[in-house]
Amino acid sequence: MTRKVADCRRFPSENGCTLTISGEEDEVLDAAMQHAVSAHGHEDTDAVRTWLRENLADEPATASA
């Protein structure tokens, strides 16, 4: 399964947020939703969750040691 990334730096914000969250899609979505509510004042709605899910990026593959 491809890991996903939510990166606040990709979107304009009033507080200049730089948080990046990565992991499995459902984990990232839940954490990003909590962050959107606590740090950015969004409400936990289906519309916000859908927007977040649509804007998750695939985490770049890293070389193994």
PDB file of N, CA and C in Angstrom:
ATOM      1  N   MET A   1       0.835  -1.177   0.000  1.00  0.00           N
ATOM      2  CA  MET A   1       0.000   0.000   0.000  1.00  0.00           C
ATOM      3  C   MET A   1       0.885   1.246   0.000  1.00  0.00           C
ATOM      4  N   THR A   2       0.524   2.212  -0.834  1.00  0.00           N
ATOM      5  CA  THR A   2       1.269   3.460  -0.913  1.00  0.00           C
ATOM      6  C   THR A   2       0.929   4.356   0.265  1.00  0.00           C
ATOM      7  N   ARG A   3       1.964   4.855   0.925  1.00  0.00           N
ATOM      8  CA  ARG A   3       1.737   5.788   2.027  1.00  0.00           C
ATOM      9  C   ARG A   3       1.287   7.125   1.450  1.00  0.00           C
ATOM     10  N   LYS A   4       0.522   7.872   2.245  1.00  0.00           N
ATOM     11  CA  LYS A   4      -0.008   9.162   1.821  1.00  0.00           C
ATOM     12  C   LYS A   4       0.578  10.280   2.658  1.00  0.00           C
ATOM     13  N   VAL A   5       0.521  11.497   2.125  1.00  0.00           N
ATOM     14  CA  VAL A   5       1.056  12.672   2.789  1.00  0.00           C
ATOM     15  C   VAL A   5       0.033  13.801   2.722  1.00  0.00           C
ATOM     16  N   ALA A   6      -0.174  14.460   3.852  1.00  0.00           N
ATOM     17  CA  ALA A   6      -0.908  15.720   3.917  1.00  0.00           C
ATOM     18  C   ALA A   6       0.118  16.772   4.322  1.00  0.00           C
ATOM     19  N   ASP A   7       0.319  17.778   3.486  1.00  0.00           N
ATOM     20  CA  ASP A   7       1.360  18.780   3.719  1.00  0.00           C
ATOM     21  C   ASP A   7       0.748  20.173   3.658  1.00  0.00           C
ATOM     22  N   CYS A   8       0.659  20.829   4.801  1.00  0.00           N
ATOM     23  CA  CYS A   8       0.054  22.168   4.867  1.00  0.00           C
ATOM     24  C   CYS A   8       0.808  23.196   4.029  1.00  0.00           C
ATOM     25  N   ARG A   9       2.072  22.950   3.750  1.00  0.00           N
ATOM     26  CA  ARG A   9       2.842  23.918   2.957  1.00  0.00           C
ATOM     27  C   ARG A   9       2.312  24.054   1.536  1.00  0.00           C
ATOM     28  N   ARG A  10       1.533  23.075   1.078  1.00  0.00           N
ATOM     29  CA  ARG A  10       0.982  23.109  -0.282  1.00  0.00           C
ATOM     30  C   ARG A  10      -0.196  24.064  -0.406  1.00  0.00           C
ATOM     31  N   PHE A  11      -0.705  24.575   0.716  1.00  0.00           N
ATOM     32  CA  PHE A  11      -1.917  25.382   0.694  1.00  0.00           C
ATOM     33  C   PHE A  11      -1.705  26.668   1.489  1.00  0.00           C
ATOM     34  N   PRO A  12      -2.299  27.769   1.027  1.00  0.00           N
ATOM     35  CA  PRO A  12      -2.160  29.016   1.783  1.00  0.00           C
ATOM     36  C   PRO A  12      -2.869  28.918   3.127  1.00  0.00           C
ATOM     37  N   SER A  13      -2.267  29.500   4.153  1.00  0.00           N
ATOM     38  CA  SER A  13      -2.915  29.540   5.460  1.00  0.00           C
ATOM     39  C   SER A  13      -2.511  30.832   6.150  1.00  0.00           C
ATOM     40  N   GLU A  14      -3.383  31.310   7.005  1.00  0.00           N
ATOM     41  CA  GLU A  14      -3.118  32.550   7.720  1.00  0.00           C
ATOM     42  C   GLU A  14      -1.960  32.410   8.698  1.00  0.00           C
ATOM     43  N   ASN A  15      -1.755  31.201   9.224  1.00  0.00           N
ATOM     44  CA  ASN A  15      -0.697  31.024  10.218  1.00  0.00           C
ATOM     45  C   ASN A  15       0.596  30.457   9.632  1.00  0.00           C
ATOM     46  N   GLY A  16       0.693  30.310   8.301  1.00  0.00           N
ATOM     47  CA  GLY A  16       1.927  29.835   7.677  1.00  0.00           C
ATOM     48  C   GLY A  16       2.316  28.432   8.113  1.00  0.00           C
ATOM     49  N   CYS A  17       1.331  27.581   8.293  1.00  0.00           N
ATOM     50  CA  CYS A  17       1.542  26.231   8.822  1.00  0.00           C
ATOM     51  C   CYS A  17       2.483  25.413   7.931  1.00  0.00           C
ATOM     52  N   THR A  18       3.366  24.648   8.564  1.00  0.00           N
ATOM     53  CA  THR A  18       4.326  23.813   7.836  1.00  0.00           C
ATOM     54  C   THR A  18       4.211  22.331   8.188  1.00  0.00           C
ATOM     55  N   LEU A  19       3.127  21.945   8.847  1.00  0.00           N
ATOM     56  CA  LEU A  19       2.982  20.556   9.282  1.00  0.00           C
ATOM     57  C   LEU A  19       2.854  19.607   8.095  1.00  0.00           C
ATOM     58  N   THR A  20       3.538  18.467   8.181  1.00  0.00           N
ATOM     59  CA  THR A  20       3.401  17.378   7.219  1.00  0.00           C
ATOM     60  C   THR A  20       3.071  16.109   7.988  1.00  0.00           C
ATOM     61  N   ILE A  21       2.058  15.395   7.512  1.00  0.00           N
ATOM     62  CA  ILE A  21       1.614  14.152   8.136  1.00  0.00           C
ATOM     63  C   ILE A  21       1.749  13.050   7.087  1.00  0.00           C
ATOM     64  N   SER A  22       2.350  11.918   7.447  1.00  0.00           N
ATOM     65  CA  SER A  22       2.448  10.822   6.484  1.00  0.00           C
ATOM     66  C   SER A  22       2.134   9.499   7.157  1.00  0.00           C
ATOM     67  N   GLY A  23       1.611   8.570   6.376  1.00  0.00           N
ATOM     68  CA  GLY A  23       1.264   7.249   6.871  1.00  0.00           C
ATOM     69  C   GLY A  23       0.247   6.608   5.955  1.00  0.00           C
ATOM     70  N   GLU A  24      -0.443   5.617   6.462  1.00  0.00           N
ATOM     71  CA  GLU A  24      -1.496   4.989   5.670  1.00  0.00           C
ATOM     72  C   GLU A  24      -2.655   5.966   5.533  1.00  0.00           C
ATOM     73  N   GLU A  25      -3.381   5.875   4.440  1.00  0.00           N
ATOM     74  CA  GLU A  25      -4.384   6.876   4.081  1.00  0.00           C
ATOM     75  C   GLU A  25      -5.373   7.199   5.203  1.00  0.00           C
ATOM     76  N   ASP A  26      -5.971   6.200   5.818  1.00  0.00           N
ATOM     77  CA  ASP A  26      -6.964   6.469   6.856  1.00  0.00           C
ATOM     78  C   ASP A  26      -6.347   7.148   8.073  1.00  0.00           C
ATOM     79  N   GLU A  27      -5.113   6.758   8.416  1.00  0.00           N
ATOM     80  CA  GLU A  27      -4.418   7.394   9.537  1.00  0.00           C
ATOM     81  C   GLU A  27      -4.155   8.872   9.244  1.00  0.00           C
ATOM     82  N   VAL A  28      -3.674   9.137   8.049  1.00  0.00           N
ATOM     83  CA  VAL A  28      -3.360  10.511   7.661  1.00  0.00           C
ATOM     84  C   VAL A  28      -4.634  11.347   7.609  1.00  0.00           C
ATOM     85  N   LEU A  29      -5.688  10.788   7.058  1.00  0.00           N
ATOM     86  CA  LEU A  29      -6.946  11.523   6.971  1.00  0.00           C
ATOM     87  C   LEU A  29      -7.454  11.898   8.359  1.00  0.00           C
ATOM     88  N   ASP A  30      -7.435  10.963   9.301  1.00  0.00           N
ATOM     89  CA  ASP A  30      -7.904  11.249  10.660  1.00  0.00           C
ATOM     90  C   ASP A  30      -7.035  12.315  11.334  1.00  0.00           C
ATOM     91  N   ALA A  31      -5.728  12.194  11.213  1.00  0.00           N
ATOM     92  CA  ALA A  31      -4.826  13.164  11.838  1.00  0.00           C
ATOM     93  C   ALA A  31      -4.946  14.532  11.169  1.00  0.00           C
ATOM     94  N   ALA A  32      -5.070  14.543   9.854  1.00  0.00           N
ATOM     95  CA  ALA A  32      -5.204  15.812   9.133  1.00  0.00           C
ATOM     96  C   ALA A  32      -6.521  16.502   9.491  1.00  0.00           C
ATOM     97  N   MET A  33      -7.574  15.723   9.693  1.00  0.00           N
ATOM     98  CA  MET A  33      -8.855  16.310  10.087  1.00  0.00           C
ATOM     99  C   MET A  33      -8.741  16.934  11.467  1.00  0.00           C
ATOM    100  N   GLN A  34      -8.122  16.229  12.407  1.00  0.00           N
ATOM    101  CA  GLN A  34      -7.923  16.780  13.744  1.00  0.00           C
ATOM    102  C   GLN A  34      -7.112  18.074  13.675  1.00  0.00           C
ATOM    103  N   HIS A  35      -6.083  18.077  12.843  1.00  0.00           N
ATOM    104  CA  HIS A  35      -5.240  19.261  12.687  1.00  0.00           C
ATOM    105  C   HIS A  35      -6.025  20.406  12.044  1.00  0.00           C
ATOM    106  N   ALA A  36      -6.826  20.104  11.035  1.00  0.00           N
ATOM    107  CA  ALA A  36      -7.617  21.137  10.352  1.00  0.00           C
ATOM    108  C   ALA A  36      -8.571  21.824  11.330  1.00  0.00           C
ATOM    109  N   VAL A  37      -9.119  21.054  12.244  1.00  0.00           N
ATOM    110  CA  VAL A  37     -10.034  21.609  13.247  1.00  0.00           C
ATOM    111  C   VAL A  37      -9.262  22.430  14.282  1.00  0.00           C
ATOM    112  N   SER A  38      -8.210  21.842  14.858  1.00  0.00           N
ATOM    113  CA  SER A  38      -7.520  22.499  15.970  1.00  0.00           C
ATOM    114  C   SER A  38      -6.638  23.670  15.541  1.00  0.00           C
ATOM    115  N   ALA A  39      -5.989  23.561  14.397  1.00  0.00           N
ATOM    116  CA  ALA A  39      -5.036  24.598  13.989  1.00  0.00           C
ATOM    117  C   ALA A  39      -5.598  25.596  12.992  1.00  0.00           C
ATOM    118  N   HIS A  40      -6.607  25.172  12.221  1.00  0.00           N
ATOM    119  CA  HIS A  40      -7.093  26.028  11.145  1.00  0.00           C
ATOM    120  C   HIS A  40      -8.556  26.427  11.286  1.00  0.00           C
ATOM    121  N   GLY A  41      -9.223  25.954  12.330  1.00  0.00           N
ATOM    122  CA  GLY A  41     -10.588  26.376  12.603  1.00  0.00           C
ATOM    123  C   GLY A  41     -11.667  25.787  11.721  1.00  0.00           C
ATOM    124  N   HIS A  42     -11.342  24.713  10.992  1.00  0.00           N
ATOM    125  CA  HIS A  42     -12.357  24.055  10.165  1.00  0.00           C
ATOM    126  C   HIS A  42     -13.282  23.223  11.048  1.00  0.00           C
ATOM    127  N   GLU A  43     -14.457  22.907  10.523  1.00  0.00           N
ATOM    128  CA  GLU A  43     -15.359  21.989  11.206  1.00  0.00           C
ATOM    129  C   GLU A  43     -15.154  20.593  10.642  1.00  0.00           C
ATOM    130  N   ASP A  44     -15.352  19.587  11.474  1.00  0.00           N
ATOM    131  CA  ASP A  44     -15.227  18.187  11.045  1.00  0.00           C
ATOM    132  C   ASP A  44     -16.506  17.810  10.306  1.00  0.00           C
ATOM    133  N   THR A  45     -16.479  17.996   8.986  1.00  0.00           N
ATOM    134  CA  THR A  45     -17.636  17.694   8.143  1.00  0.00           C
ATOM    135  C   THR A  45     -17.227  16.734   7.038  1.00  0.00           C
ATOM    136  N   ASP A  46     -18.225  16.115   6.429  1.00  0.00           N
ATOM    137  CA  ASP A  46     -17.943  15.228   5.303  1.00  0.00           C
ATOM    138  C   ASP A  46     -17.278  15.993   4.160  1.00  0.00           C
ATOM    139  N   ALA A  47     -17.681  17.242   3.948  1.00  0.00           N
ATOM    140  CA  ALA A  47     -17.098  18.037   2.859  1.00  0.00           C
ATOM    141  C   ALA A  47     -15.614  18.283   3.092  1.00  0.00           C
ATOM    142  N   VAL A  48     -15.229  18.605   4.313  1.00  0.00           N
ATOM    143  CA  VAL A  48     -13.809  18.843   4.611  1.00  0.00           C
ATOM    144  C   VAL A  48     -13.034  17.538   4.503  1.00  0.00           C
ATOM    145  N   ARG A  49     -13.587  16.449   5.010  1.00  0.00           N
ATOM    146  CA  ARG A  49     -12.909  15.146   4.896  1.00  0.00           C
ATOM    147  C   ARG A  49     -12.708  14.755   3.428  1.00  0.00           C
ATOM    148  N   THR A  50     -13.726  15.002   2.601  1.00  0.00           N
ATOM    149  CA  THR A  50     -13.611  14.690   1.173  1.00  0.00           C
ATOM    150  C   THR A  50     -12.515  15.532   0.538  1.00  0.00           C
ATOM    151  N   TRP A  51     -12.489  16.828   0.858  1.00  0.00           N
ATOM    152  CA  TRP A  51     -11.456  17.711   0.310  1.00  0.00           C
ATOM    153  C   TRP A  51     -10.066  17.241   0.734  1.00  0.00           C
ATOM    154  N   LEU A  52      -9.924  16.901   2.014  1.00  0.00           N
ATOM    155  CA  LEU A  52      -8.633  16.419   2.502  1.00  0.00           C
ATOM    156  C   LEU A  52      -8.209  15.150   1.764  1.00  0.00           C
ATOM    157  N   ARG A  53      -9.122  14.191   1.655  1.00  0.00           N
ATOM    158  CA  ARG A  53      -8.797  12.926   0.980  1.00  0.00           C
ATOM    159  C   ARG A  53      -8.369  13.178  -0.463  1.00  0.00           C
ATOM    160  N   GLU A  54      -9.075  14.071  -1.153  1.00  0.00           N
ATOM    161  CA  GLU A  54      -8.746  14.376  -2.553  1.00  0.00           C
ATOM    162  C   GLU A  54      -7.391  15.056  -2.694  1.00  0.00           C
ATOM    163  N   ASN A  55      -6.922  15.703  -1.626  1.00  0.00           N
ATOM    164  CA  ASN A  55      -5.662  16.444  -1.698  1.00  0.00           C
ATOM    165  C   ASN A  55      -4.493  15.735  -1.039  1.00  0.00           C
ATOM    166  N   LEU A  56      -4.670  14.489  -0.627  1.00  0.00           N
ATOM    167  CA  LEU A  56      -3.531  13.707  -0.130  1.00  0.00           C
ATOM    168  C   LEU A  56      -2.639  13.360  -1.316  1.00  0.00           C
ATOM    169  N   ALA A  57      -1.349  13.379  -1.089  1.00  0.00           N
ATOM    170  CA  ALA A  57      -0.383  13.013  -2.125  1.00  0.00           C
ATOM    171  C   ALA A  57       0.259  11.689  -1.752  1.00  0.00           C
ATOM    172  N   ASP A  58       0.749  10.992  -2.760  1.00  0.00           N
ATOM    173  CA  ASP A  58       1.524   9.781  -2.503  1.00  0.00           C
ATOM    174  C   ASP A  58       2.870  10.199  -1.900  1.00  0.00           C
ATOM    175  N   GLU A  59       3.294   9.472  -0.887  1.00  0.00           N
ATOM    176  CA  GLU A  59       4.598   9.744  -0.286  1.00  0.00           C
ATOM    177  C   GLU A  59       5.682   9.235  -1.244  1.00  0.00           C
ATOM    178  N   PRO A  60       6.692  10.067  -1.528  1.00  0.00           N
ATOM    179  CA  PRO A  60       7.764   9.599  -2.397  1.00  0.00           C
ATOM    180  C   PRO A  60       8.456   8.375  -1.794  1.00  0.00           C
ATOM    181  N   ALA A  61       8.835   7.466  -2.642  1.00  0.00           N
ATOM    182  CA  ALA A  61       9.567   6.278  -2.187  1.00  0.00           C
ATOM    183  C   ALA A  61      10.950   6.708  -1.716  1.00  0.00           C
ATOM    184  N   THR A  62      11.418   6.063  -0.666  1.00  0.00           N
ATOM    185  CA  THR A  62      12.749   6.341  -0.159  1.00  0.00           C
ATOM    186  C   THR A  62      13.641   5.149  -0.447  1.00  0.00           C
ATOM    187  N   ALA A  63      14.895   5.426  -0.665  1.00  0.00           N
ATOM    188  CA  ALA A  63      15.858   4.349  -0.895  1.00  0.00           C
ATOM    189  C   ALA A  63      16.116   3.626   0.421  1.00  0.00           C
ATOM    190  N   SER A  64      16.134   2.325   0.380  1.00  0.00           N
ATOM    191  CA  SER A  64      16.433   1.576   1.595  1.00  0.00           C
ATOM    192  C   SER A  64      17.933   1.420   1.767  1.00  0.00           C
ATOM    193  N   ALA A  65      18.334   1.367   3.005  1.00  0.00           N
ATOM    194  CA  ALA A  65      19.773   1.303   3.321  1.00  0.00           C
ATOM    195  C   ALA A  65      20.346  -0.062   3.081  1.00  0.00           C
TER     196      ALA A  65
END
